Amino acid sequence: MAENFKAIIYPVRDLEKAKSLFTTLLGTAPDQDAPYYVGWSIDGQNIGLNPNGFDQGMTGPIPYVDVDDIKARFDALVEAGATVLQEPTDVGGGAQIATVKDADGNTIGLRGARGA
């Protein structure tokens, strides 16, 4: 079952500038602050900055939906006609993400626990 879109990840070229802007926008310091990812959790909504996003093919923000079984949901979307952008990938802390593109070219992100 999908819960809802709980994360939005933005590709950024200058992490420090983007972090300053989003800190001002969100009114609080980030919860996660690493060279490869900066993120905030605001009322259950995760906002993230990915300094490698453009190199990974991101062209804009990607919403991620939380799912119980990322592999099963990923496979079902591909079977339903989605194009694979990123297979389920471990991103640390037991979390996995995956991305697909729908028939209209929209990117959809999935987020789930490893082994779920």
PDB file of N, CA and C in Angstrom:
ATOM      1  N   MET A   1       0.838  -1.172   0.000  1.00  0.00           N
ATOM      2  CA  MET A   1       0.000   0.000   0.000  1.00  0.00           C
ATOM      3  C   MET A   1       0.890   1.246   0.000  1.00  0.00           C
ATOM      4  N   ALA A   2       0.487   2.233  -0.746  1.00  0.00           N
ATOM      5  CA  ALA A   2       1.200   3.510  -0.755  1.00  0.00           C
ATOM      6  C   ALA A   2       0.572   4.416   0.288  1.00  0.00           C
ATOM      7  N   GLU A   3       1.395   5.095   1.047  1.00  0.00           N
ATOM      8  CA  GLU A   3       0.870   6.035   2.035  1.00  0.00           C
ATOM      9  C   GLU A   3       0.524   7.339   1.346  1.00  0.00           C
ATOM     10  N   ASN A   4       1.500   8.133   1.037  1.00  0.00           N
ATOM     11  CA  ASN A   4       1.337   9.363   0.270  1.00  0.00           C
ATOM     12  C   ASN A   4       2.720   9.882  -0.056  1.00  0.00           C
ATOM     13  N   PHE A   5       2.759  10.988  -0.767  1.00  0.00           N
ATOM     14  CA  PHE A   5       4.055  11.563  -1.105  1.00  0.00           C
ATOM     15  C   PHE A   5       4.608  12.252   0.130  1.00  0.00           C
ATOM     16  N   LYS A   6       5.677  11.683   0.682  1.00  0.00           N
ATOM     17  CA  LYS A   6       6.241  12.191   1.935  1.00  0.00           C
ATOM     18  C   LYS A   6       7.607  12.816   1.763  1.00  0.00           C
ATOM     19  N   ALA A   7       8.151  12.777   0.559  1.00  0.00           N
ATOM     20  CA  ALA A   7       9.467  13.365   0.330  1.00  0.00           C
ATOM     21  C   ALA A   7       9.494  14.044  -1.031  1.00  0.00           C
ATOM     22  N   ILE A   8      10.139  15.180  -1.075  1.00  0.00           N
ATOM     23  CA  ILE A   8      10.393  15.879  -2.329  1.00  0.00           C
ATOM     24  C   ILE A   8      11.882  16.192  -2.346  1.00  0.00           C
ATOM     25  N   ILE A   9      12.556  15.714  -3.390  1.00  0.00           N
ATOM     26  CA  ILE A   9      13.999  15.893  -3.489  1.00  0.00           C
ATOM     27  C   ILE A   9      14.299  16.828  -4.669  1.00  0.00           C
ATOM     28  N   TYR A  10      15.098  17.851  -4.390  1.00  0.00           N
ATOM     29  CA  TYR A  10      15.479  18.838  -5.392  1.00  0.00           C
ATOM     30  C   TYR A  10      16.924  18.615  -5.812  1.00  0.00           C
ATOM     31  N   PRO A  11      17.200  18.561  -7.119  1.00  0.00           N
ATOM     32  CA  PRO A  11      18.594  18.553  -7.549  1.00  0.00           C
ATOM     33  C   PRO A  11      19.146  19.972  -7.425  1.00  0.00           C
ATOM     34  N   VAL A  12      20.365  20.121  -6.944  1.00  0.00           N
ATOM     35  CA  VAL A  12      20.970  21.449  -6.798  1.00  0.00           C
ATOM     36  C   VAL A  12      22.411  21.414  -7.299  1.00  0.00           C
ATOM     37  N   ARG A  13      22.856  22.531  -7.811  1.00  0.00           N
ATOM     38  CA  ARG A  13      24.242  22.635  -8.289  1.00  0.00           C
ATOM     39  C   ARG A  13      25.169  23.170  -7.195  1.00  0.00           C
ATOM     40  N   ASP A  14      24.673  24.084  -6.391  1.00  0.00           N
ATOM     41  CA  ASP A  14      25.479  24.671  -5.323  1.00  0.00           C
ATOM     42  C   ASP A  14      24.784  24.360  -3.995  1.00  0.00           C
ATOM     43  N   LEU A  15      25.258  23.327  -3.318  1.00  0.00           N
ATOM     44  CA  LEU A  15      24.604  22.842  -2.103  1.00  0.00           C
ATOM     45  C   LEU A  15      24.552  23.911  -1.016  1.00  0.00           C
ATOM     46  N   GLU A  16      25.623  24.648  -0.822  1.00  0.00           N
ATOM     47  CA  GLU A  16      25.651  25.659   0.242  1.00  0.00           C
ATOM     48  C   GLU A  16      24.645  26.778  -0.013  1.00  0.00           C
ATOM     49  N   LYS A  17      24.562  27.257  -1.240  1.00  0.00           N
ATOM     50  CA  LYS A  17      23.581  28.298  -1.567  1.00  0.00           C
ATOM     51  C   LYS A  17      22.163  27.777  -1.407  1.00  0.00           C
ATOM     52  N   ALA A  18      21.926  26.558  -1.901  1.00  0.00           N
ATOM     53  CA  ALA A  18      20.587  25.973  -1.800  1.00  0.00           C
ATOM     54  C   ALA A  18      20.218  25.734  -0.337  1.00  0.00           C
ATOM     55  N   LYS A  19      21.180  25.267   0.462  1.00  0.00           N
ATOM     56  CA  LYS A  19      20.919  25.033   1.888  1.00  0.00           C
ATOM     57  C   LYS A  19      20.540  26.341   2.573  1.00  0.00           C
ATOM     58  N   SER A  20      21.233  27.421   2.269  1.00  0.00           N
ATOM     59  CA  SER A  20      20.917  28.719   2.848  1.00  0.00           C
ATOM     60  C   SER A  20      19.507  29.162   2.451  1.00  0.00           C
ATOM     61  N   LEU A  21      19.183  29.015   1.179  1.00  0.00           N
ATOM     62  CA  LEU A  21      17.862  29.423   0.692  1.00  0.00           C
ATOM     63  C   LEU A  21      16.756  28.606   1.355  1.00  0.00           C
ATOM     64  N   PHE A  22      16.904  27.279   1.395  1.00  0.00           N
ATOM     65  CA  PHE A  22      15.865  26.430   1.974  1.00  0.00           C
ATOM     66  C   PHE A  22      15.769  26.601   3.486  1.00  0.00           C
ATOM     67  N   THR A  23      16.891  26.879   4.149  1.00  0.00           N
ATOM     68  CA  THR A  23      16.849  27.162   5.581  1.00  0.00           C
ATOM     69  C   THR A  23      16.023  28.420   5.829  1.00  0.00           C
ATOM     70  N   THR A  24      16.211  29.424   4.995  1.00  0.00           N
ATOM     71  CA  THR A  24      15.419  30.644   5.102  1.00  0.00           C
ATOM     72  C   THR A  24      13.954  30.363   4.799  1.00  0.00           C
ATOM     73  N   LEU A  25      13.691  29.620   3.732  1.00  0.00           N
ATOM     74  CA  LEU A  25      12.323  29.281   3.345  1.00  0.00           C
ATOM     75  C   LEU A  25      11.600  28.504   4.441  1.00  0.00           C
ATOM     76  N   LEU A  26      12.249  27.479   4.979  1.00  0.00           N
ATOM     77  CA  LEU A  26      11.604  26.578   5.936  1.00  0.00           C
ATOM     78  C   LEU A  26      11.706  27.083   7.378  1.00  0.00           C
ATOM     79  N   GLY A  27      12.569  28.064   7.631  1.00  0.00           N
ATOM     80  CA  GLY A  27      12.660  28.667   8.947  1.00  0.00           C
ATOM     81  C   GLY A  27      13.336  27.822   9.997  1.00  0.00           C
ATOM     82  N   THR A  28      14.138  26.843   9.566  1.00  0.00           N
ATOM     83  CA  THR A  28      14.836  25.984  10.514  1.00  0.00           C
ATOM     84  C   THR A  28      16.057  25.372   9.840  1.00  0.00           C
ATOM     85  N   ALA A  29      17.029  24.992  10.650  1.00  0.00           N
ATOM     86  CA  ALA A  29      18.225  24.323  10.133  1.00  0.00           C
ATOM     87  C   ALA A  29      17.861  22.910   9.670  1.00  0.00           C
ATOM     88  N   PRO A  30      18.624  22.354   8.738  1.00  0.00           N
ATOM     89  CA  PRO A  30      18.337  21.001   8.271  1.00  0.00           C
ATOM     90  C   PRO A  30      18.557  19.952   9.362  1.00  0.00           C
ATOM     91  N   ASP A  31      17.804  18.865   9.270  1.00  0.00           N
ATOM     92  CA  ASP A  31      17.959  17.720  10.170  1.00  0.00           C
ATOM     93  C   ASP A  31      19.139  16.848   9.744  1.00  0.00           C
ATOM     94  N   GLN A  32      19.380  16.799   8.445  1.00  0.00           N
ATOM     95  CA  GLN A  32      20.490  16.026   7.883  1.00  0.00           C
ATOM     96  C   GLN A  32      21.347  16.995   7.088  1.00  0.00           C
ATOM     97  N   ASP A  33      22.651  16.957   7.310  1.00  0.00           N
ATOM     98  CA  ASP A  33      23.529  17.887   6.621  1.00  0.00           C
ATOM     99  C   ASP A  33      24.832  17.177   6.292  1.00  0.00           C
ATOM    100  N   ALA A  34      24.895  16.630   5.075  1.00  0.00           N
ATOM    101  CA  ALA A  34      26.073  15.906   4.617  1.00  0.00           C
ATOM    102  C   ALA A  34      26.459  16.430   3.236  1.00  0.00           C
ATOM    103  N   PRO A  35      27.682  16.184   2.798  1.00  0.00           N
ATOM    104  CA  PRO A  35      28.101  16.667   1.478  1.00  0.00           C
ATOM    105  C   PRO A  35      27.271  16.087   0.329  1.00  0.00           C
ATOM    106  N   TYR A  36      26.635  14.939   0.540  1.00  0.00           N
ATOM    107  CA  TYR A  36      25.871  14.261  -0.511  1.00  0.00           C
ATOM    108  C   TYR A  36      24.355  14.458  -0.385  1.00  0.00           C
ATOM    109  N   TYR A  37      23.880  15.083   0.710  1.00  0.00           N
ATOM    110  CA  TYR A  37      22.438  15.264   0.910  1.00  0.00           C
ATOM    111  C   TYR A  37      22.192  16.189   2.100  1.00  0.00           C
ATOM    112  N   VAL A  38      21.278  17.125   1.928  1.00  0.00           N
ATOM    113  CA  VAL A  38      20.824  17.976   3.020  1.00  0.00           C
ATOM    114  C   VAL A  38      19.315  17.840   3.067  1.00  0.00           C
ATOM    115  N   GLY A  39      18.765  17.609   4.265  1.00  0.00           N
ATOM    116  CA  GLY A  39      17.326  17.395   4.338  1.00  0.00           C
ATOM    117  C   GLY A  39      16.677  17.924   5.598  1.00  0.00           C
ATOM    118  N   TRP A  40      15.410  18.241   5.458  1.00  0.00           N
ATOM    119  CA  TRP A  40      14.568  18.725   6.543  1.00  0.00           C
ATOM    120  C   TRP A  40      13.367  17.803   6.671  1.00  0.00           C
ATOM    121  N   SER A  41      12.852  17.668   7.874  1.00  0.00           N
ATOM    122  CA  SER A  41      11.591  16.975   8.111  1.00  0.00           C
ATOM    123  C   SER A  41      10.663  17.979   8.784  1.00  0.00           C
ATOM    124  N   ILE A  42       9.631  18.394   8.066  1.00  0.00           N
ATOM    125  CA  ILE A  42       8.696  19.403   8.540  1.00  0.00           C
ATOM    126  C   ILE A  42       7.300  18.782   8.590  1.00  0.00           C
ATOM    127  N   ASP A  43       6.784  18.559   9.778  1.00  0.00           N
ATOM    128  CA  ASP A  43       5.444  17.986   9.955  1.00  0.00           C
ATOM    129  C   ASP A  43       5.238  16.724   9.123  1.00  0.00           C
ATOM    130  N   GLY A  44       6.226  15.840   9.122  1.00  0.00           N
ATOM    131  CA  GLY A  44       6.111  14.573   8.405  1.00  0.00           C
ATOM    132  C   GLY A  44       6.447  14.645   6.928  1.00  0.00           C
ATOM    133  N   GLN A  45       6.739  15.829   6.432  1.00  0.00           N
ATOM    134  CA  GLN A  45       7.130  16.012   5.022  1.00  0.00           C
ATOM    135  C   GLN A  45       8.644  16.183   4.969  1.00  0.00           C
ATOM    136  N   ASN A  46       9.304  15.381   4.157  1.00  0.00           N
ATOM    137  CA  ASN A  46      10.748  15.482   3.986  1.00  0.00           C
ATOM    138  C   ASN A  46      11.063  16.304   2.751  1.00  0.00           C
ATOM    139  N   ILE A  47      11.946  17.271   2.918  1.00  0.00           N
ATOM    140  CA  ILE A  47      12.433  18.099   1.821  1.00  0.00           C
ATOM    141  C   ILE A  47      13.934  17.862   1.741  1.00  0.00           C
ATOM    142  N   GLY A  48      14.434  17.482   0.571  1.00  0.00           N
ATOM    143  CA  GLY A  48      15.847  17.175   0.444  1.00  0.00           C
ATOM    144  C   GLY A  48      16.511  17.886  -0.714  1.00  0.00           C
ATOM    145  N   LEU A  49      17.810  18.093  -0.579  1.00  0.00           N
ATOM    146  CA  LEU A  49      18.643  18.681  -1.619  1.00  0.00           C
ATOM    147  C   LEU A  49      19.697  17.663  -2.017  1.00  0.00           C
ATOM    148  N   ASN A  50      19.766  17.361  -3.304  1.00  0.00           N
ATOM    149  CA  ASN A  50      20.714  16.371  -3.807  1.00  0.00           C
ATOM    150  C   ASN A  50      21.716  17.067  -4.731  1.00  0.00           C
ATOM    151  N   PRO A  51      22.961  17.259  -4.267  1.00  0.00           N
ATOM    152  CA  PRO A  51      23.948  17.942  -5.097  1.00  0.00           C
ATOM    153  C   PRO A  51      24.426  17.110  -6.288  1.00  0.00           C
ATOM    154  N   ASN A  52      24.070  15.843  -6.318  1.00  0.00           N
ATOM    155  CA  ASN A  52      24.425  14.963  -7.436  1.00  0.00           C
ATOM    156  C   ASN A  52      23.232  14.698  -8.345  1.00  0.00           C
ATOM    157  N   GLY A  53      22.108  15.333  -8.048  1.00  0.00           N
ATOM    158  CA  GLY A  53      20.876  15.057  -8.773  1.00  0.00           C
ATOM    159  C   GLY A  53      20.956  15.266 -10.269  1.00  0.00           C
ATOM    160  N   PHE A  54      21.537  16.380 -10.700  1.00  0.00           N
ATOM    161  CA  PHE A  54      21.622  16.628 -12.146  1.00  0.00           C
ATOM    162  C   PHE A  54      22.495  15.576 -12.822  1.00  0.00           C
ATOM    163  N   ASP A  55      23.583  15.173 -12.170  1.00  0.00           N
ATOM    164  CA  ASP A  55      24.446  14.127 -12.721  1.00  0.00           C
ATOM    165  C   ASP A  55      23.731  12.783 -12.780  1.00  0.00           C
ATOM    166  N   GLN A  56      22.727  12.597 -11.926  1.00  0.00           N
ATOM    167  CA  GLN A  56      21.949  11.364 -11.899  1.00  0.00           C
ATOM    168  C   GLN A  56      20.736  11.432 -12.828  1.00  0.00           C
ATOM    169  N   GLY A  57      20.616  12.517 -13.585  1.00  0.00           N
ATOM    170  CA  GLY A  57      19.532  12.636 -14.555  1.00  0.00           C
ATOM    171  C   GLY A  57      18.306  13.386 -14.081  1.00  0.00           C
ATOM    172  N   MET A  58      18.333  13.899 -12.851  1.00  0.00           N
ATOM    173  CA  MET A  58      17.188  14.673 -12.373  1.00  0.00           C
ATOM    174  C   MET A  58      17.121  15.979 -13.155  1.00  0.00           C
ATOM    175  N   THR A  59      15.910  16.377 -13.545  1.00  0.00           N
ATOM    176  CA  THR A  59      15.726  17.641 -14.257  1.00  0.00           C
ATOM    177  C   THR A  59      14.911  18.628 -13.443  1.00  0.00           C
ATOM    178  N   GLY A  60      14.449  18.218 -12.291  1.00  0.00           N
ATOM    179  CA  GLY A  60      13.663  19.049 -11.396  1.00  0.00           C
ATOM    180  C   GLY A  60      13.332  18.252 -10.158  1.00  0.00           C
ATOM    181  N   PRO A  61      12.507  18.810  -9.270  1.00  0.00           N
ATOM    182  CA  PRO A  61      12.144  18.104  -8.038  1.00  0.00           C
ATOM    183  C   PRO A  61      11.416  16.787  -8.348  1.00  0.00           C
ATOM    184  N   ILE A  62      11.643  15.812  -7.500  1.00  0.00           N
ATOM    185  CA  ILE A  62      10.958  14.517  -7.638  1.00  0.00           C
ATOM    186  C   ILE A  62      10.211  14.226  -6.347  1.00  0.00           C
ATOM    187  N   PRO A  63       8.886  13.990  -6.454  1.00  0.00           N
ATOM    188  CA  PRO A  63       8.135  13.551  -5.273  1.00  0.00           C
ATOM    189  C   PRO A  63       8.315  12.039  -5.092  1.00  0.00           C
ATOM    190  N   TYR A  64       8.478  11.623  -3.852  1.00  0.00           N
ATOM    191  CA  TYR A  64       8.630  10.203  -3.528  1.00  0.00           C
ATOM    192  C   TYR A  64       7.454   9.763  -2.678  1.00  0.00           C
ATOM    193  N   VAL A  65       6.835   8.659  -3.071  1.00  0.00           N
ATOM    194  CA  VAL A  65       5.744   8.087  -2.294  1.00  0.00           C
ATOM    195  C   VAL A  65       6.317   6.950  -1.442  1.00  0.00           C
ATOM    196  N   ASP A  66       5.903   6.881  -0.186  1.00  0.00           N
ATOM    197  CA  ASP A  66       6.321   5.794   0.687  1.00  0.00           C
ATOM    198  C   ASP A  66       5.481   4.562   0.385  1.00  0.00           C
ATOM    199  N   VAL A  67       6.138   3.424   0.224  1.00  0.00           N
ATOM    200  CA  VAL A  67       5.456   2.170  -0.070  1.00  0.00           C
ATOM    201  C   VAL A  67       5.926   1.081   0.885  1.00  0.00           C
ATOM    202  N   ASP A  68       5.058   0.110   1.123  1.00  0.00           N
ATOM    203  CA  ASP A  68       5.385  -0.995   2.023  1.00  0.00           C
ATOM    204  C   ASP A  68       6.425  -1.935   1.425  1.00  0.00           C
ATOM    205  N   ASP A  69       6.294  -2.227   0.137  1.00  0.00           N
ATOM    206  CA  ASP A  69       7.185  -3.182  -0.527  1.00  0.00           C
ATOM    207  C   ASP A  69       7.688  -2.538  -1.806  1.00  0.00           C
ATOM    208  N   ILE A  70       8.859  -1.915  -1.738  1.00  0.00           N
ATOM    209  CA  ILE A  70       9.354  -1.129  -2.867  1.00  0.00           C
ATOM    210  C   ILE A  70       9.579  -1.986  -4.113  1.00  0.00           C
ATOM    211  N   LYS A  71      10.114  -3.174  -3.959  1.00  0.00           N
ATOM    212  CA  LYS A  71      10.383  -4.033  -5.116  1.00  0.00           C
ATOM    213  C   LYS A  71       9.080  -4.434  -5.801  1.00  0.00           C
ATOM    214  N   ALA A  72       8.092  -4.837  -5.027  1.00  0.00           N
ATOM    215  CA  ALA A  72       6.812  -5.249  -5.619  1.00  0.00           C
ATOM    216  C   ALA A  72       6.127  -4.076  -6.314  1.00  0.00           C
ATOM    217  N   ARG A  73       6.140  -2.902  -5.686  1.00  0.00           N
ATOM    218  CA  ARG A  73       5.495  -1.731  -6.294  1.00  0.00           C
ATOM    219  C   ARG A  73       6.241  -1.285  -7.550  1.00  0.00           C
ATOM    220  N   PHE A  74       7.576  -1.314  -7.487  1.00  0.00           N
ATOM    221  CA  PHE A  74       8.404  -0.975  -8.640  1.00  0.00           C
ATOM    222  C   PHE A  74       8.085  -1.907  -9.808  1.00  0.00           C
ATOM    223  N   ASP A  75       8.098  -3.208  -9.543  1.00  0.00           N
ATOM    224  CA  ASP A  75       7.804  -4.190 -10.594  1.00  0.00           C
ATOM    225  C   ASP A  75       6.407  -3.993 -11.165  1.00  0.00           C
ATOM    226  N   ALA A  76       5.432  -3.691 -10.323  1.00  0.00           N
ATOM    227  CA  ALA A  76       4.060  -3.477 -10.786  1.00  0.00           C
ATOM    228  C   ALA A  76       3.975  -2.247 -11.685  1.00  0.00           C
ATOM    229  N   LEU A  77       4.687  -1.190 -11.333  1.00  0.00           N
ATOM    230  CA  LEU A  77       4.678   0.016 -12.168  1.00  0.00           C
ATOM    231  C   LEU A  77       5.319  -0.249 -13.529  1.00  0.00           C
ATOM    232  N   VAL A  78       6.416  -0.983 -13.541  1.00  0.00           N
ATOM    233  CA  VAL A  78       7.073  -1.323 -14.806  1.00  0.00           C
ATOM    234  C   VAL A  78       6.134  -2.173 -15.653  1.00  0.00           C
ATOM    235  N   GLU A  79       5.473  -3.130 -15.037  1.00  0.00           N
ATOM    236  CA  GLU A  79       4.518  -3.969 -15.761  1.00  0.00           C
ATOM    237  C   GLU A  79       3.348  -3.144 -16.311  1.00  0.00           C
ATOM    238  N   ALA A  80       2.995  -2.071 -15.600  1.00  0.00           N
ATOM    239  CA  ALA A  80       1.893  -1.207 -16.032  1.00  0.00           C
ATOM    240  C   ALA A  80       2.336  -0.201 -17.097  1.00  0.00           C
ATOM    241  N   GLY A  81       3.625  -0.226 -17.478  1.00  0.00           N
ATOM    242  CA  GLY A  81       4.088   0.624 -18.567  1.00  0.00           C
ATOM    243  C   GLY A  81       5.089   1.701 -18.194  1.00  0.00           C
ATOM    244  N   ALA A  82       5.477   1.781 -16.937  1.00  0.00           N
ATOM    245  CA  ALA A  82       6.461   2.788 -16.527  1.00  0.00           C
ATOM    246  C   ALA A  82       7.839   2.432 -17.082  1.00  0.00           C
ATOM    247  N   THR A  83       8.634   3.449 -17.353  1.00  0.00           N
ATOM    248  CA  THR A  83      10.005   3.283 -17.811  1.00  0.00           C
ATOM    249  C   THR A  83      10.935   3.380 -16.605  1.00  0.00           C
ATOM    250  N   VAL A  84      11.860   2.438 -16.508  1.00  0.00           N
ATOM    251  CA  VAL A  84      12.808   2.409 -15.390  1.00  0.00           C
ATOM    252  C   VAL A  84      13.822   3.536 -15.517  1.00  0.00           C
ATOM    253  N   LEU A  85      13.960   4.317 -14.462  1.00  0.00           N
ATOM    254  CA  LEU A  85      15.025   5.310 -14.370  1.00  0.00           C
ATOM    255  C   LEU A  85      16.087   4.846 -13.380  1.00  0.00           C
ATOM    256  N   GLN A  86      15.644   4.342 -12.213  1.00  0.00           N
ATOM    257  CA  GLN A  86      16.561   3.836 -11.194  1.00  0.00           C
ATOM    258  C   GLN A  86      15.910   2.664 -10.484  1.00  0.00           C
ATOM    259  N   GLU A  87      16.556   1.514 -10.557  1.00  0.00           N
ATOM    260  CA  GLU A  87      16.094   0.327  -9.832  1.00  0.00           C
ATOM    261  C   GLU A  87      16.141   0.622  -8.329  1.00  0.00           C
ATOM    262  N   PRO A  88      15.403  -0.124  -7.504  1.00  0.00           N
ATOM    263  CA  PRO A  88      15.512   0.077  -6.056  1.00  0.00           C
ATOM    264  C   PRO A  88      16.978   0.031  -5.616  1.00  0.00           C
ATOM    265  N   THR A  89      17.388   1.098  -4.922  1.00  0.00           N
ATOM    266  CA  THR A  89      18.783   1.290  -4.539  1.00  0.00           C
ATOM    267  C   THR A  89      18.866   1.645  -3.070  1.00  0.00           C
ATOM    268  N   ASP A  90      19.785   0.990  -2.366  1.00  0.00           N
ATOM    269  CA  ASP A  90      20.010   1.283  -0.951  1.00  0.00           C
ATOM    270  C   ASP A  90      20.657   2.661  -0.832  1.00  0.00           C
ATOM    271  N   VAL A  91      20.059   3.531  -0.013  1.00  0.00           N
ATOM    272  CA  VAL A  91      20.612   4.873   0.196  1.00  0.00           C
ATOM    273  C   VAL A  91      21.048   5.092   1.643  1.00  0.00           C
ATOM    274  N   GLY A  92      21.183   4.004   2.381  1.00  0.00           N
ATOM    275  CA  GLY A  92      21.662   4.085   3.753  1.00  0.00           C
ATOM    276  C   GLY A  92      20.550   4.067   4.777  1.00  0.00           C
ATOM    277  N   GLY A  93      20.896   3.646   5.960  1.00  0.00           N
ATOM    278  CA  GLY A  93      19.932   3.616   7.057  1.00  0.00           C
ATOM    279  C   GLY A  93      18.775   2.655   6.843  1.00  0.00           C
ATOM    280  N   GLY A  94      18.961   1.678   5.983  1.00  0.00           N
ATOM    281  CA  GLY A  94      17.896   0.716   5.713  1.00  0.00           C
ATOM    282  C   GLY A  94      16.873   1.195   4.708  1.00  0.00           C
ATOM    283  N   ALA A  95      17.079   2.364   4.133  1.00  0.00           N
ATOM    284  CA  ALA A  95      16.114   2.917   3.171  1.00  0.00           C
ATOM    285  C   ALA A  95      16.527   2.612   1.742  1.00  0.00           C
ATOM    286  N   GLN A  96      15.532   2.487   0.889  1.00  0.00           N
ATOM    287  CA  GLN A  96      15.756   2.318  -0.539  1.00  0.00           C
ATOM    288  C   GLN A  96      14.903   3.324  -1.293  1.00  0.00           C
ATOM    289  N   ILE A  97      15.404   3.747  -2.460  1.00  0.00           N
ATOM    290  CA  ILE A  97      14.611   4.574  -3.361  1.00  0.00           C
ATOM    291  C   ILE A  97      14.674   3.976  -4.756  1.00  0.00           C
ATOM    292  N   ALA A  98      13.688   4.327  -5.572  1.00  0.00           N
ATOM    293  CA  ALA A  98      13.652   3.927  -6.974  1.00  0.00           C
ATOM    294  C   ALA A  98      12.876   5.006  -7.718  1.00  0.00           C
ATOM    295  N   THR A  99      13.123   5.140  -9.016  1.00  0.00           N
ATOM    296  CA  THR A  99      12.364   6.092  -9.820  1.00  0.00           C
ATOM    297  C   THR A  99      11.964   5.467 -11.146  1.00  0.00           C
ATOM    298  N   VAL A 100      10.791   5.877 -11.604  1.00  0.00           N
ATOM    299  CA  VAL A 100      10.264   5.463 -12.900  1.00  0.00           C
ATOM    300  C   VAL A 100       9.699   6.701 -13.587  1.00  0.00           C
ATOM    301  N   LYS A 101       9.442   6.562 -14.870  1.00  0.00           N
ATOM    302  CA  LYS A 101       8.837   7.647 -15.636  1.00  0.00           C
ATOM    303  C   LYS A 101       7.522   7.124 -16.205  1.00  0.00           C
ATOM    304  N   ASP A 102       6.456   7.936 -16.093  1.00  0.00           N
ATOM    305  CA  ASP A 102       5.176   7.531 -16.651  1.00  0.00           C
ATOM    306  C   ASP A 102       5.141   7.827 -18.150  1.00  0.00           C
ATOM    307  N   ALA A 103       4.047   7.494 -18.807  1.00  0.00           N
ATOM    308  CA  ALA A 103       3.924   7.638 -20.257  1.00  0.00           C
ATOM    309  C   ALA A 103       4.033   9.087 -20.718  1.00  0.00           C
ATOM    310  N   ASP A 104       3.786  10.038 -19.825  1.00  0.00           N
ATOM    311  CA  ASP A 104       3.867  11.450 -20.183  1.00  0.00           C
ATOM    312  C   ASP A 104       5.210  12.077 -19.827  1.00  0.00           C
ATOM    313  N   GLY A 105       6.149  11.262 -19.343  1.00  0.00           N
ATOM    314  CA  GLY A 105       7.476  11.758 -19.024  1.00  0.00           C
ATOM    315  C   GLY A 105       7.645  12.273 -17.611  1.00  0.00           C
ATOM    316  N   ASN A 106       6.637  12.100 -16.761  1.00  0.00           N
ATOM    317  CA  ASN A 106       6.727  12.534 -15.370  1.00  0.00           C
ATOM    318  C   ASN A 106       7.506  11.516 -14.552  1.00  0.00           C
ATOM    319  N   THR A 107       8.402  12.001 -13.712  1.00  0.00           N
ATOM    320  CA  THR A 107       9.181  11.111 -12.850  1.00  0.00           C
ATOM    321  C   THR A 107       8.427  10.875 -11.555  1.00  0.00           C
ATOM    322  N   ILE A 108       8.369   9.610 -11.155  1.00  0.00           N
ATOM    323  CA  ILE A 108       7.716   9.195  -9.911  1.00  0.00           C
ATOM    324  C   ILE A 108       8.766   8.484  -9.065  1.00  0.00           C
ATOM    325  N   GLY A 109       8.905   8.912  -7.824  1.00  0.00           N
ATOM    326  CA  GLY A 109       9.851   8.281  -6.927  1.00  0.00           C
ATOM    327  C   GLY A 109       9.142   7.371  -5.931  1.00  0.00           C
ATOM    328  N   LEU A 110       9.808   6.285  -5.591  1.00  0.00           N
ATOM    329  CA  LEU A 110       9.332   5.357  -4.563  1.00  0.00           C
ATOM    330  C   LEU A 110      10.353   5.338  -3.452  1.00  0.00           C
ATOM    331  N   ARG A 111       9.866   5.233  -2.220  1.00  0.00           N
ATOM    332  CA  ARG A 111      10.750   5.165  -1.058  1.00  0.00           C
ATOM    333  C   ARG A 111      10.233   4.080  -0.150  1.00  0.00           C
ATOM    334  N   GLY A 112      11.126   3.194   0.280  1.00  0.00           N
ATOM    335  CA  GLY A 112      10.724   2.102   1.161  1.00  0.00           C
ATOM    336  C   GLY A 112      11.903   1.584   1.945  1.00  0.00           C
ATOM    337  N   ALA A 113      11.609   0.656   2.837  1.00  0.00           N
ATOM    338  CA  ALA A 113      12.645   0.039   3.663  1.00  0.00           C
ATOM    339  C   ALA A 113      13.247  -1.152   2.919  1.00  0.00           C
ATOM    340  N   ARG A 114      14.530  -1.362   3.139  1.00  0.00           N
ATOM    341  CA  ARG A 114      15.210  -2.517   2.550  1.00  0.00           C
ATOM    342  C   ARG A 114      14.591  -3.779   3.099  1.00  0.00           C
ATOM    343  N   GLY A 115      14.322  -4.713   2.213  1.00  0.00           N
ATOM    344  CA  GLY A 115      13.781  -6.005   2.619  1.00  0.00           C
ATOM    345  C   GLY A 115      12.295  -5.979   2.905  1.00  0.00           C
ATOM    346  N   ALA A 116      11.664  -4.838   2.743  1.00  0.00           N
ATOM    347  CA  ALA A 116      10.221  -4.760   2.985  1.00  0.00           C
ATOM    348  C   ALA A 116       9.469  -5.315   1.811  1.00  0.00           C
TER     349      ALA A 116
END
